[in-house]
Amino acid sequence: MKKTYQLCILFLTFICLTFSCRLCALATQQDTTNEAESDATTSNETDWEFSFIKKKESLKVNKKCTFKTNAPEQGQVTYKVSNKKYASITTNGVLRGKRAGTVTVSATYNDQTIQCKVKIKGKKIIYIDPGHQQYADLSTEPIGPGSSTRKEKMTGGATGVATGIPEYKFTLTISKKLKTALEKKGYEVVLSRTKHNVKMGNVARAKKGNKAKANICIRIHADSFSSSSARGASVLYASSSNPYYARKYAKKSKKLATKLIDEYCDATGIYKRGIVVRNDLTGTNWSKMPTVLIECGFMSNPTEDRKLNNAAFQKKMVKGMVNGIDAYFGY
């Protein structure tokens, strides 16, 4: 009996020890699992990085694109744009181009901010060539590719009989004002020159416009004649009989010339002399785009000279040119 009692005690002790070991093993396994899950969670939180999952690095004026991030759907993302003059962005990340330039789009989630630079491209590229320069260059160059006929690279230009202002100053003043006005309308604008003291022949000017891949070229000039009674504005363009690059763009150049002279004269009230075919203009012949040369008025006419160099009147001139360019493109 005593022996049987001892065996029972030993058996119960064995069972208790076995059960206890099993519980310890389960507890250890649970701790390991919890630790692994905790490590995985920490790892996931550490590895997650706020970023764009949809973006664009270039956009045309008046076009839209949407920026998206990997933030949780219920998370609040704040979008900003560095310069509202060039583009705007909504709370949902919709970016709209307004003017040619470069902006930075920022997205903020919690304490994290990410950024992306976006180039806003103009709806069209306009090349403006302010006629003449401070010093004439009477060395010669071919009037067209492969031509044996040569002309001076850059003549001196006219001088206002009433104001004494030289043509090269007048043309740059108008060109800069035209550039500003066109940029506000969403165009991208390139000037052949931005200062007076340059040395650029007509071939070099045309090649600069070609390199810019402009859609059209507007050459800004003022007229002069021996008689002070000569007046009015005209626009010169190359015809289909032109033997150089200009021939390819003759039809479009004529259309541009027509739209430009109509709108310019409507806005200014200057007498309309009309459009004129000229196939001997070096700057036009080397140009690989629709190209026109506008003679804004006569600096040899005292009345027109004063008008051309009057700030208030120049606003009308610029408005007319912008309207002509818009009409050409159908805007």
C-alpha atoms as a PDB file:
ATOM      1  CA  MET A   1       0.000   0.000   0.000  1.00  0.00           C
ATOM      2  CA  LYS A   2       2.785   2.375   0.956  1.00  0.00           C
ATOM      3  CA  LYS A   3       4.622   1.514  -2.240  1.00  0.00           C
ATOM      4  CA  THR A   4       1.548   2.161  -4.329  1.00  0.00           C
ATOM      5  CA  TYR A   5       1.112   5.555  -2.633  1.00  0.00           C
ATOM      6  CA  GLN A   6       4.693   6.484  -3.451  1.00  0.00           C
ATOM      7  CA  LEU A   7       4.238   5.523  -7.094  1.00  0.00           C
ATOM      8  CA  CYS A   8       1.159   7.708  -7.339  1.00  0.00           C
ATOM      9  CA  ILE A   9       3.056  10.639  -5.855  1.00  0.00           C
ATOM     10  CA  LEU A  10       5.867  10.154  -8.382  1.00  0.00           C
ATOM     11  CA  PHE A  11       3.407   9.935 -11.267  1.00  0.00           C
ATOM     12  CA  LEU A  12       1.597  13.116 -10.240  1.00  0.00           C
ATOM     13  CA  THR A  13       4.911  14.886  -9.809  1.00  0.00           C
ATOM     14  CA  PHE A  14       5.939  13.828 -13.335  1.00  0.00           C
ATOM     15  CA  ILE A  15       2.663  15.083 -14.796  1.00  0.00           C
ATOM     16  CA  CYS A  16       3.002  18.432 -13.011  1.00  0.00           C
ATOM     17  CA  LEU A  17       6.571  18.880 -14.198  1.00  0.00           C
ATOM     18  CA  THR A  18       5.612  17.999 -17.766  1.00  0.00           C
ATOM     19  CA  PHE A  19       2.671  20.425 -17.749  1.00  0.00           C
ATOM     20  CA  SER A  20       4.820  23.161 -16.258  1.00  0.00           C
ATOM     21  CA  CYS A  21       7.483  22.726 -18.937  1.00  0.00           C
ATOM     22  CA  ARG A  22       4.820  22.826 -21.590  1.00  0.00           C
ATOM     23  CA  LEU A  23       3.447  26.103 -20.212  1.00  0.00           C
ATOM     24  CA  CYS A  24       6.948  27.596 -20.125  1.00  0.00           C
ATOM     25  CA  ALA A  25       7.534  26.545 -23.715  1.00  0.00           C
ATOM     26  CA  LEU A  26       4.252  28.109 -24.813  1.00  0.00           C
ATOM     27  CA  ALA A  27       5.044  31.301 -22.924  1.00  0.00           C
ATOM     28  CA  THR A  28       8.479  31.491 -24.482  1.00  0.00           C
ATOM     29  CA  GLN A  29       7.019  30.905 -27.954  1.00  0.00           C
ATOM     30  CA  GLN A  30       4.396  33.634 -27.394  1.00  0.00           C
ATOM     31  CA  ASP A  31       7.067  36.081 -26.241  1.00  0.00           C
ATOM     32  CA  THR A  32       9.139  35.286 -29.300  1.00  0.00           C
ATOM     33  CA  THR A  33       6.144  35.773 -31.600  1.00  0.00           C
ATOM     34  CA  ASN A  34       5.215  39.072 -29.969  1.00  0.00           C
ATOM     35  CA  GLU A  35       8.798  40.248 -30.212  1.00  0.00           C
ATOM     36  CA  ALA A  36       8.978  39.260 -33.872  1.00  0.00           C
ATOM     37  CA  GLU A  37       5.691  41.070 -34.599  1.00  0.00           C
ATOM     38  CA  SER A  38       6.950  44.104 -32.731  1.00  0.00           C
ATOM     39  CA  ASP A  39      10.208  44.062 -34.686  1.00  0.00           C
ATOM     40  CA  ALA A  40       8.292  43.730 -37.965  1.00  0.00           C
ATOM     41  CA  THR A  41       6.033  46.660 -37.083  1.00  0.00           C
ATOM     42  CA  THR A  42       8.991  48.796 -36.107  1.00  0.00           C
ATOM     43  CA  SER A  43      10.790  47.773 -39.288  1.00  0.00           C
ATOM     44  CA  ASN A  44       7.770  48.676 -41.437  1.00  0.00           C
ATOM     45  CA  GLU A  45       7.411  52.034 -39.738  1.00  0.00           C
ATOM     46  CA  THR A  46      11.119  52.688 -40.226  1.00  0.00           C
ATOM     47  CA  ASP A  47      11.148  51.584 -43.890  1.00  0.00           C
ATOM     48  CA  TRP A  48       8.075  53.647 -44.957  1.00  0.00           C
ATOM     49  CA  GLU A  49       8.999  56.846 -46.696  1.00  0.00           C
ATOM     50  CA  PHE A  50       6.633  59.602 -47.785  1.00  0.00           C
ATOM     51  CA  SER A  51       6.951  60.035 -51.558  1.00  0.00           C
ATOM     52  CA  PHE A  52       5.192  60.969 -54.781  1.00  0.00           C
ATOM     53  CA  ILE A  53       3.560  58.102 -56.644  1.00  0.00           C
ATOM     54  CA  LYS A  54       2.370  60.400 -59.438  1.00  0.00           C
ATOM     55  CA  LYS A  55       4.079  63.587 -60.587  1.00  0.00           C
ATOM     56  CA  LYS A  56       5.178  65.501 -63.674  1.00  0.00           C
ATOM     57  CA  GLU A  57       8.370  67.444 -64.323  1.00  0.00           C
ATOM     58  CA  SER A  58       7.085  69.593 -67.206  1.00  0.00           C
ATOM     59  CA  LEU A  59       3.720  71.090 -68.046  1.00  0.00           C
ATOM     60  CA  LYS A  60       2.403  73.510 -70.679  1.00  0.00           C
ATOM     61  CA  VAL A  61       0.620  76.725 -69.844  1.00  0.00           C
ATOM     62  CA  ASN A  62      -3.144  76.218 -69.377  1.00  0.00           C
ATOM     63  CA  LYS A  63      -2.664  72.453 -69.026  1.00  0.00           C
ATOM     64  CA  LYS A  64      -3.277  70.451 -65.836  1.00  0.00           C
ATOM     65  CA  CYS A  65      -1.741  67.433 -64.125  1.00  0.00           C
ATOM     66  CA  THR A  66      -2.388  65.693 -60.802  1.00  0.00           C
ATOM     67  CA  PHE A  67       0.190  64.982 -58.108  1.00  0.00           C
ATOM     68  CA  LYS A  68      -0.383  62.009 -55.792  1.00  0.00           C
ATOM     69  CA  THR A  69       1.519  60.638 -52.791  1.00  0.00           C
ATOM     70  CA  ASN A  70       1.682  57.327 -50.933  1.00  0.00           C
ATOM     71  CA  ALA A  71       0.122  58.847 -47.806  1.00  0.00           C
ATOM     72  CA  PRO A  72      -2.850  56.899 -46.338  1.00  0.00           C
ATOM     73  CA  GLU A  73      -6.176  57.816 -47.904  1.00  0.00           C
ATOM     74  CA  GLN A  74      -7.425  59.246 -44.633  1.00  0.00           C
ATOM     75  CA  GLY A  75      -4.208  61.241 -44.202  1.00  0.00           C
ATOM     76  CA  GLN A  76      -4.194  64.997 -44.807  1.00  0.00           C
ATOM     77  CA  VAL A  77      -1.661  66.097 -47.458  1.00  0.00           C
ATOM     78  CA  THR A  78      -1.010  69.818 -47.974  1.00  0.00           C
ATOM     79  CA  TYR A  79       0.115  70.959 -51.423  1.00  0.00           C
ATOM     80  CA  LYS A  80       1.913  74.222 -52.206  1.00  0.00           C
ATOM     81  CA  VAL A  81       3.567  75.792 -55.243  1.00  0.00           C
ATOM     82  CA  SER A  82       6.633  78.051 -54.949  1.00  0.00           C
ATOM     83  CA  ASN A  83       5.466  80.808 -57.315  1.00  0.00           C
ATOM     84  CA  LYS A  84       1.764  81.377 -57.928  1.00  0.00           C
ATOM     85  CA  LYS A  85       2.574  83.648 -60.864  1.00  0.00           C
ATOM     86  CA  TYR A  86       3.686  80.619 -62.880  1.00  0.00           C
ATOM     87  CA  ALA A  87       1.314  77.915 -61.638  1.00  0.00           C
ATOM     88  CA  SER A  88      -1.458  77.138 -59.172  1.00  0.00           C
ATOM     89  CA  ILE A  89      -2.258  73.927 -57.283  1.00  0.00           C
ATOM     90  CA  THR A  90      -5.463  72.759 -55.588  1.00  0.00           C
ATOM     91  CA  THR A  91      -5.863  71.030 -52.233  1.00  0.00           C
ATOM     92  CA  ASN A  92      -6.184  67.770 -54.178  1.00  0.00           C
ATOM     93  CA  GLY A  93      -2.835  68.241 -55.911  1.00  0.00           C
ATOM     94  CA  VAL A  94      -4.056  69.421 -59.333  1.00  0.00           C
ATOM     95  CA  LEU A  95      -1.384  71.678 -60.845  1.00  0.00           C
ATOM     96  CA  ARG A  96      -2.234  74.179 -63.615  1.00  0.00           C
ATOM     97  CA  GLY A  97       0.381  76.055 -65.643  1.00  0.00           C
ATOM     98  CA  LYS A  98      -0.086  79.828 -65.938  1.00  0.00           C
ATOM     99  CA  ARG A  99       3.182  81.324 -67.258  1.00  0.00           C
ATOM    100  CA  ALA A 100       6.434  79.942 -68.605  1.00  0.00           C
ATOM    101  CA  GLY A 101       8.991  79.371 -65.854  1.00  0.00           C
ATOM    102  CA  THR A 102      10.022  76.858 -63.200  1.00  0.00           C
ATOM    103  CA  VAL A 103       8.162  76.143 -59.958  1.00  0.00           C
ATOM    104  CA  THR A 104       8.614  73.778 -57.033  1.00  0.00           C
ATOM    105  CA  VAL A 105       5.642  71.678 -55.935  1.00  0.00           C
ATOM    106  CA  SER A 106       5.692  70.773 -52.212  1.00  0.00           C
ATOM    107  CA  ALA A 107       3.578  68.122 -50.486  1.00  0.00           C
ATOM    108  CA  THR A 108       3.486  67.875 -46.668  1.00  0.00           C
ATOM    109  CA  TYR A 109       2.175  64.941 -44.604  1.00  0.00           C
ATOM    110  CA  ASN A 110       2.560  65.049 -40.831  1.00  0.00           C
ATOM    111  CA  ASP A 111       6.084  66.408 -40.376  1.00  0.00           C
ATOM    112  CA  GLN A 112       7.410  65.203 -43.733  1.00  0.00           C
ATOM    113  CA  THR A 113       7.711  67.402 -46.838  1.00  0.00           C
ATOM    114  CA  ILE A 114       8.654  66.269 -50.334  1.00  0.00           C
ATOM    115  CA  GLN A 115       9.299  68.450 -53.381  1.00  0.00           C
ATOM    116  CA  CYS A 116       9.398  68.249 -57.157  1.00  0.00           C
ATOM    117  CA  LYS A 117      10.560  70.867 -59.668  1.00  0.00           C
ATOM    118  CA  VAL A 118       8.254  71.445 -62.623  1.00  0.00           C
ATOM    119  CA  LYS A 119       9.107  73.389 -65.780  1.00  0.00           C
ATOM    120  CA  ILE A 120       6.099  75.320 -67.061  1.00  0.00           C
ATOM    121  CA  LYS A 121       6.372  75.594 -70.834  1.00  0.00           C
ATOM    122  CA  GLY A 122       4.782  78.412 -72.804  1.00  0.00           C
ATOM    123  CA  LYS A 123       1.838  77.592 -75.040  1.00  0.00           C
ATOM    124  CA  LYS A 124       3.993  78.847 -77.944  1.00  0.00           C
ATOM    125  CA  ILE A 125       7.553  80.166 -78.243  1.00  0.00           C
ATOM    126  CA  ILE A 126       7.858  83.660 -79.694  1.00  0.00           C
ATOM    127  CA  TYR A 127      11.202  84.952 -80.934  1.00  0.00           C
ATOM    128  CA  ILE A 128      11.525  88.732 -80.927  1.00  0.00           C
ATOM    129  CA  ASP A 129      14.374  90.477 -82.724  1.00  0.00           C
ATOM    130  CA  PRO A 130      14.817  94.146 -81.698  1.00  0.00           C
ATOM    131  CA  GLY A 131      16.284  95.721 -84.834  1.00  0.00           C
ATOM    132  CA  HIS A 132      19.776  97.227 -84.997  1.00  0.00           C
ATOM    133  CA  GLN A 133      22.273  97.795 -82.185  1.00  0.00           C
ATOM    134  CA  GLN A 134      24.454 100.522 -80.732  1.00  0.00           C
ATOM    135  CA  TYR A 135      27.263 100.121 -83.261  1.00  0.00           C
ATOM    136  CA  ALA A 136      26.760  99.230 -86.905  1.00  0.00           C
ATOM    137  CA  ASP A 137      28.654  96.319 -88.454  1.00  0.00           C
ATOM    138  CA  LEU A 138      29.199  97.017 -92.141  1.00  0.00           C
ATOM    139  CA  SER A 139      31.073  93.794 -92.865  1.00  0.00           C
ATOM    140  CA  THR A 140      28.996  91.575 -95.131  1.00  0.00           C
ATOM    141  CA  GLU A 141      27.298  88.184 -95.010  1.00  0.00           C
ATOM    142  CA  PRO A 142      25.179  86.129 -97.461  1.00  0.00           C
ATOM    143  CA  ILE A 143      21.553  87.235 -97.617  1.00  0.00           C
ATOM    144  CA  GLY A 144      20.517  83.587 -97.617  1.00  0.00           C
ATOM    145  CA  PRO A 145      22.002  80.090 -97.254  1.00  0.00           C
ATOM    146  CA  GLY A 146      24.348  79.460-100.187  1.00  0.00           C
ATOM    147  CA  SER A 147      23.772  82.897-101.678  1.00  0.00           C
ATOM    148  CA  SER A 148      26.533  84.777-103.477  1.00  0.00           C
ATOM    149  CA  THR A 149      24.688  88.032-102.776  1.00  0.00           C
ATOM    150  CA  ARG A 150      25.912  89.739 -99.645  1.00  0.00           C
ATOM    151  CA  LYS A 151      24.673  92.601 -97.453  1.00  0.00           C
ATOM    152  CA  GLU A 152      25.954  94.468 -94.412  1.00  0.00           C
ATOM    153  CA  LYS A 153      25.550  92.465 -91.217  1.00  0.00           C
ATOM    154  CA  MET A 154      23.928  95.358 -89.367  1.00  0.00           C
ATOM    155  CA  THR A 155      23.276  98.917 -90.481  1.00  0.00           C
ATOM    156  CA  GLY A 156      22.954 101.877 -88.144  1.00  0.00           C
ATOM    157  CA  GLY A 157      19.185 102.390 -88.267  1.00  0.00           C
ATOM    158  CA  ALA A 158      17.109 105.547 -88.069  1.00  0.00           C
ATOM    159  CA  THR A 159      17.005 108.348 -85.505  1.00  0.00           C
ATOM    160  CA  GLY A 160      13.876 110.147 -84.364  1.00  0.00           C
ATOM    161  CA  VAL A 161      13.697 113.609 -85.937  1.00  0.00           C
ATOM    162  CA  ALA A 162      11.734 115.003 -82.982  1.00  0.00           C
ATOM    163  CA  THR A 163      12.941 112.892 -80.055  1.00  0.00           C
ATOM    164  CA  GLY A 164      16.517 112.207 -81.129  1.00  0.00           C
ATOM    165  CA  ILE A 165      16.052 108.608 -79.965  1.00  0.00           C
ATOM    166  CA  PRO A 166      17.926 106.089 -82.138  1.00  0.00           C
ATOM    167  CA  GLU A 167      16.047 103.175 -83.621  1.00  0.00           C
ATOM    168  CA  TYR A 168      18.067 100.576 -81.714  1.00  0.00           C
ATOM    169  CA  LYS A 169      16.875 102.031 -78.395  1.00  0.00           C
ATOM    170  CA  PHE A 170      13.274 102.279 -79.538  1.00  0.00           C
ATOM    171  CA  THR A 171      13.171  98.693 -80.794  1.00  0.00           C
ATOM    172  CA  LEU A 172      14.579  97.233 -77.571  1.00  0.00           C
ATOM    173  CA  THR A 173      12.156  99.245 -75.445  1.00  0.00           C
ATOM    174  CA  ILE A 174       9.171  97.940 -77.420  1.00  0.00           C
ATOM    175  CA  SER A 175      10.551  94.395 -77.536  1.00  0.00           C
ATOM    176  CA  LYS A 176      10.953  94.197 -73.761  1.00  0.00           C
ATOM    177  CA  LYS A 177       7.437  95.510 -73.200  1.00  0.00           C
ATOM    178  CA  LEU A 178       6.094  93.056 -75.773  1.00  0.00           C
ATOM    179  CA  LYS A 179       7.941  90.216 -74.053  1.00  0.00           C
ATOM    180  CA  THR A 180       6.341  91.051 -70.696  1.00  0.00           C
ATOM    181  CA  ALA A 181       2.866  91.281 -72.219  1.00  0.00           C
ATOM    182  CA  LEU A 182       3.224  87.989 -74.090  1.00  0.00           C
ATOM    183  CA  GLU A 183       4.498  86.166 -71.008  1.00  0.00           C
ATOM    184  CA  LYS A 184       1.422  87.291 -69.095  1.00  0.00           C
ATOM    185  CA  LYS A 185      -0.615  85.643 -71.840  1.00  0.00           C
ATOM    186  CA  GLY A 186       1.221  82.353 -71.354  1.00  0.00           C
ATOM    187  CA  TYR A 187       3.746  82.569 -74.193  1.00  0.00           C
ATOM    188  CA  GLU A 188       7.420  81.761 -73.836  1.00  0.00           C
ATOM    189  CA  VAL A 189       9.528  84.593 -75.253  1.00  0.00           C
ATOM    190  CA  VAL A 190      13.141  84.741 -76.426  1.00  0.00           C
ATOM    191  CA  LEU A 191      14.862  88.014 -77.351  1.00  0.00           C
ATOM    192  CA  SER A 192      17.736  88.168 -79.823  1.00  0.00           C
ATOM    193  CA  ARG A 193      19.340  90.842 -77.658  1.00  0.00           C
ATOM    194  CA  THR A 194      18.677  92.393 -74.252  1.00  0.00           C
ATOM    195  CA  LYS A 195      21.184  95.268 -74.383  1.00  0.00           C
ATOM    196  CA  HIS A 196      22.397  97.857 -76.867  1.00  0.00           C
ATOM    197  CA  ASN A 197      26.116  97.155 -76.994  1.00  0.00           C
ATOM    198  CA  VAL A 198      26.104  93.861 -78.879  1.00  0.00           C
ATOM    199  CA  LYS A 199      27.665  92.671 -82.101  1.00  0.00           C
ATOM    200  CA  MET A 200      25.111  90.492 -83.860  1.00  0.00           C
ATOM    201  CA  GLY A 201      24.613  90.252 -87.588  1.00  0.00           C
ATOM    202  CA  ASN A 202      21.270  89.284 -89.081  1.00  0.00           C
ATOM    203  CA  VAL A 203      22.390  85.710 -89.743  1.00  0.00           C
ATOM    204  CA  ALA A 204      23.391  85.265 -86.104  1.00  0.00           C
ATOM    205  CA  ARG A 205      20.058  86.641 -84.972  1.00  0.00           C
ATOM    206  CA  ALA A 206      18.119  84.274 -87.211  1.00  0.00           C
ATOM    207  CA  LYS A 207      20.184  81.299 -86.063  1.00  0.00           C
ATOM    208  CA  LYS A 208      19.482  82.153 -82.431  1.00  0.00           C
ATOM    209  CA  GLY A 209      15.764  82.001 -83.151  1.00  0.00           C
ATOM    210  CA  ASN A 210      16.190  78.689 -84.968  1.00  0.00           C
ATOM    211  CA  LYS A 211      18.078  77.269 -82.006  1.00  0.00           C
ATOM    212  CA  ALA A 212      15.290  78.342 -79.663  1.00  0.00           C
ATOM    213  CA  LYS A 213      12.859  76.314 -81.818  1.00  0.00           C
ATOM    214  CA  ALA A 214      10.461  79.242 -81.794  1.00  0.00           C
ATOM    215  CA  ASN A 215       7.069  79.001 -83.449  1.00  0.00           C
ATOM    216  CA  ILE A 216       7.251  82.467 -85.000  1.00  0.00           C
ATOM    217  CA  CYS A 217       9.664  85.398 -85.274  1.00  0.00           C
ATOM    218  CA  ILE A 218       8.689  89.066 -84.977  1.00  0.00           C
ATOM    219  CA  ARG A 219      11.369  91.533 -86.082  1.00  0.00           C
ATOM    220  CA  ILE A 220      10.818  94.986 -84.581  1.00  0.00           C
ATOM    221  CA  HIS A 221      11.852  98.070 -86.607  1.00  0.00           C
ATOM    222  CA  ALA A 222      10.897 101.672 -87.323  1.00  0.00           C
ATOM    223  CA  ASP A 223      10.808 103.288 -90.754  1.00  0.00           C
ATOM    224  CA  SER A 224      12.492 106.398 -92.144  1.00  0.00           C
ATOM    225  CA  PHE A 225      12.203 108.377 -95.371  1.00  0.00           C
ATOM    226  CA  SER A 226      13.627 111.535 -96.914  1.00  0.00           C
ATOM    227  CA  SER A 227      10.243 113.216 -96.716  1.00  0.00           C
ATOM    228  CA  SER A 228       8.849 113.935 -93.261  1.00  0.00           C
ATOM    229  CA  SER A 229       5.315 113.471 -94.571  1.00  0.00           C
ATOM    230  CA  ALA A 230       5.726 109.701 -94.975  1.00  0.00           C
ATOM    231  CA  ARG A 231       3.676 107.930 -92.339  1.00  0.00           C
ATOM    232  CA  GLY A 232       2.121 104.647 -91.312  1.00  0.00           C
ATOM    233  CA  ALA A 233       2.994 101.074 -90.403  1.00  0.00           C
ATOM    234  CA  SER A 234       3.761  98.102 -92.618  1.00  0.00           C
ATOM    235  CA  VAL A 235       4.687  94.461 -92.163  1.00  0.00           C
ATOM    236  CA  LEU A 236       7.257  92.773 -94.418  1.00  0.00           C
ATOM    237  CA  TYR A 237       7.297  89.064 -95.222  1.00  0.00           C
ATOM    238  CA  ALA A 238       8.924  86.668 -97.707  1.00  0.00           C
ATOM    239  CA  SER A 239       6.882  85.152-100.544  1.00  0.00           C
ATOM    240  CA  SER A 240       6.718  81.630-101.986  1.00  0.00           C
ATOM    241  CA  SER A 241       9.200  82.674-104.671  1.00  0.00           C
ATOM    242  CA  ASN A 242      11.867  83.186-102.019  1.00  0.00           C
ATOM    243  CA  PRO A 243      14.791  80.826-102.799  1.00  0.00           C
ATOM    244  CA  TYR A 244      15.836  80.353 -99.158  1.00  0.00           C
ATOM    245  CA  TYR A 245      14.397  78.897 -95.944  1.00  0.00           C
ATOM    246  CA  ALA A 246      11.657  81.537 -95.903  1.00  0.00           C
ATOM    247  CA  ARG A 247       9.907  79.973 -98.917  1.00  0.00           C
ATOM    248  CA  LYS A 248       8.765  77.024 -96.805  1.00  0.00           C
ATOM    249  CA  TYR A 249       6.981  79.374 -94.390  1.00  0.00           C
ATOM    250  CA  ALA A 250       5.641  81.895 -96.930  1.00  0.00           C
ATOM    251  CA  LYS A 251       1.952  81.095 -96.454  1.00  0.00           C
ATOM    252  CA  LYS A 252       2.124  81.229 -92.675  1.00  0.00           C
ATOM    253  CA  SER A 253       4.291  84.353 -92.778  1.00  0.00           C
ATOM    254  CA  LYS A 254       1.700  86.109 -94.919  1.00  0.00           C
ATOM    255  CA  LYS A 255      -1.033  85.125 -92.476  1.00  0.00           C
ATOM    256  CA  LEU A 256       1.053  86.396 -89.559  1.00  0.00           C
ATOM    257  CA  ALA A 257       1.784  89.655 -91.393  1.00  0.00           C
ATOM    258  CA  THR A 258      -1.906  90.204 -92.103  1.00  0.00           C
ATOM    259  CA  LYS A 259      -3.058  89.523 -88.545  1.00  0.00           C
ATOM    260  CA  LEU A 260      -0.290  91.650 -87.088  1.00  0.00           C
ATOM    261  CA  ILE A 261      -0.843  94.756 -89.248  1.00  0.00           C
ATOM    262  CA  ASP A 262      -4.627  94.622 -88.795  1.00  0.00           C
ATOM    263  CA  GLU A 263      -4.546  94.394 -85.010  1.00  0.00           C
ATOM    264  CA  TYR A 264      -1.637  96.808 -84.636  1.00  0.00           C
ATOM    265  CA  CYS A 265      -3.311  99.548 -86.648  1.00  0.00           C
ATOM    266  CA  ASP A 266      -6.677  98.949 -84.972  1.00  0.00           C
ATOM    267  CA  ALA A 267      -5.102  99.360 -81.529  1.00  0.00           C
ATOM    268  CA  THR A 268      -2.957 102.387 -82.355  1.00  0.00           C
ATOM    269  CA  GLY A 269      -4.866 104.210 -85.045  1.00  0.00           C
ATOM    270  CA  ILE A 270      -1.680 104.463 -87.108  1.00  0.00           C
ATOM    271  CA  TYR A 271      -2.202 104.601 -90.864  1.00  0.00           C
ATOM    272  CA  LYS A 272      -2.090 101.112 -92.389  1.00  0.00           C
ATOM    273  CA  ARG A 273       0.372 100.896 -95.253  1.00  0.00           C
ATOM    274  CA  GLY A 274      -0.277  97.156 -95.512  1.00  0.00           C
ATOM    275  CA  ILE A 275       1.840  94.043 -95.951  1.00  0.00           C
ATOM    276  CA  VAL A 276       4.835  94.049 -98.286  1.00  0.00           C
ATOM    277  CA  VAL A 277       6.749  91.204 -99.937  1.00  0.00           C
ATOM    278  CA  ARG A 278      10.508  91.366 -99.308  1.00  0.00           C
ATOM    279  CA  ASN A 279      12.770  88.508-100.368  1.00  0.00           C
ATOM    280  CA  ASP A 280      16.037  90.355 -99.771  1.00  0.00           C
ATOM    281  CA  LEU A 281      16.014  90.512 -95.956  1.00  0.00           C
ATOM    282  CA  THR A 282      18.857  88.474 -94.489  1.00  0.00           C
ATOM    283  CA  GLY A 283      17.269  87.982 -91.074  1.00  0.00           C
ATOM    284  CA  THR A 284      14.126  86.617 -92.703  1.00  0.00           C
ATOM    285  CA  ASN A 285      15.852  84.434 -95.302  1.00  0.00           C
ATOM    286  CA  TRP A 286      17.863  82.513 -92.681  1.00  0.00           C
ATOM    287  CA  SER A 287      14.900  81.998 -90.377  1.00  0.00           C
ATOM    288  CA  LYS A 288      13.382  78.515 -90.108  1.00  0.00           C
ATOM    289  CA  MET A 289       9.922  79.636 -88.975  1.00  0.00           C
ATOM    290  CA  PRO A 290       7.175  82.042 -90.041  1.00  0.00           C
ATOM    291  CA  THR A 291       8.890  85.441 -89.850  1.00  0.00           C
ATOM    292  CA  VAL A 292       7.741  89.011 -90.303  1.00  0.00           C
ATOM    293  CA  LEU A 293       9.302  92.445 -89.874  1.00  0.00           C
ATOM    294  CA  ILE A 294       7.061  95.203 -88.576  1.00  0.00           C
ATOM    295  CA  GLU A 295       7.863  98.813 -89.375  1.00  0.00           C
ATOM    296  CA  CYS A 296       6.042 100.409 -86.439  1.00  0.00           C
ATOM    297  CA  GLY A 297       5.929 103.903 -87.932  1.00  0.00           C
ATOM    298  CA  PHE A 298       8.167 106.613 -89.358  1.00  0.00           C
ATOM    299  CA  MET A 299      10.819 108.117 -87.097  1.00  0.00           C
ATOM    300  CA  SER A 300      11.375 110.664 -89.886  1.00  0.00           C
ATOM    301  CA  ASN A 301       7.840 111.935 -89.276  1.00  0.00           C
ATOM    302  CA  PRO A 302       7.843 114.231 -86.204  1.00  0.00           C
ATOM    303  CA  THR A 303       4.306 113.335 -85.177  1.00  0.00           C
ATOM    304  CA  GLU A 304       4.816 109.585 -85.438  1.00  0.00           C
ATOM    305  CA  ASP A 305       8.259 109.788 -83.859  1.00  0.00           C
ATOM    306  CA  ARG A 306       6.770 111.373 -80.750  1.00  0.00           C
ATOM    307  CA  LYS A 307       4.029 108.756 -80.657  1.00  0.00           C
ATOM    308  CA  LEU A 308       6.407 105.828 -81.082  1.00  0.00           C
ATOM    309  CA  ASN A 309       8.483 107.012 -78.136  1.00  0.00           C
ATOM    310  CA  ASN A 310       5.580 107.866 -75.845  1.00  0.00           C
ATOM    311  CA  ALA A 311       5.028 105.371 -73.009  1.00  0.00           C
ATOM    312  CA  ALA A 312       1.227 105.578 -73.115  1.00  0.00           C
ATOM    313  CA  PHE A 313       1.163 105.082 -76.881  1.00  0.00           C
ATOM    314  CA  GLN A 314       3.602 102.168 -76.601  1.00  0.00           C
ATOM    315  CA  LYS A 315       1.016 100.328 -74.507  1.00  0.00           C
ATOM    316  CA  LYS A 316      -1.349 100.520 -77.483  1.00  0.00           C
ATOM    317  CA  MET A 317       1.400  99.318 -79.814  1.00  0.00           C
ATOM    318  CA  VAL A 318       2.145  96.314 -77.613  1.00  0.00           C
ATOM    319  CA  LYS A 319      -1.546  95.511 -77.210  1.00  0.00           C
ATOM    320  CA  GLY A 320      -1.987  95.507 -80.972  1.00  0.00           C
ATOM    321  CA  MET A 321       0.983  93.203 -81.493  1.00  0.00           C
ATOM    322  CA  VAL A 322      -0.222  90.786 -78.818  1.00  0.00           C
ATOM    323  CA  ASN A 323      -3.699  90.754 -80.355  1.00  0.00           C
ATOM    324  CA  GLY A 324      -2.172  90.043 -83.763  1.00  0.00           C
ATOM    325  CA  ILE A 325      -0.141  87.131 -82.414  1.00  0.00           C
ATOM    326  CA  ASP A 326      -3.177  85.747 -80.577  1.00  0.00           C
ATOM    327  CA  ALA A 327      -5.224  86.030 -83.777  1.00  0.00           C
ATOM    328  CA  TYR A 328      -2.559  84.198 -85.757  1.00  0.00           C
ATOM    329  CA  PHE A 329      -2.586  81.255 -83.345  1.00  0.00           C
ATOM    330  CA  GLY A 330      -6.354  81.345 -82.965  1.00  0.00           C
ATOM    331  CA  TYR A 331      -6.408  82.254 -79.262  1.00  0.00           C
END
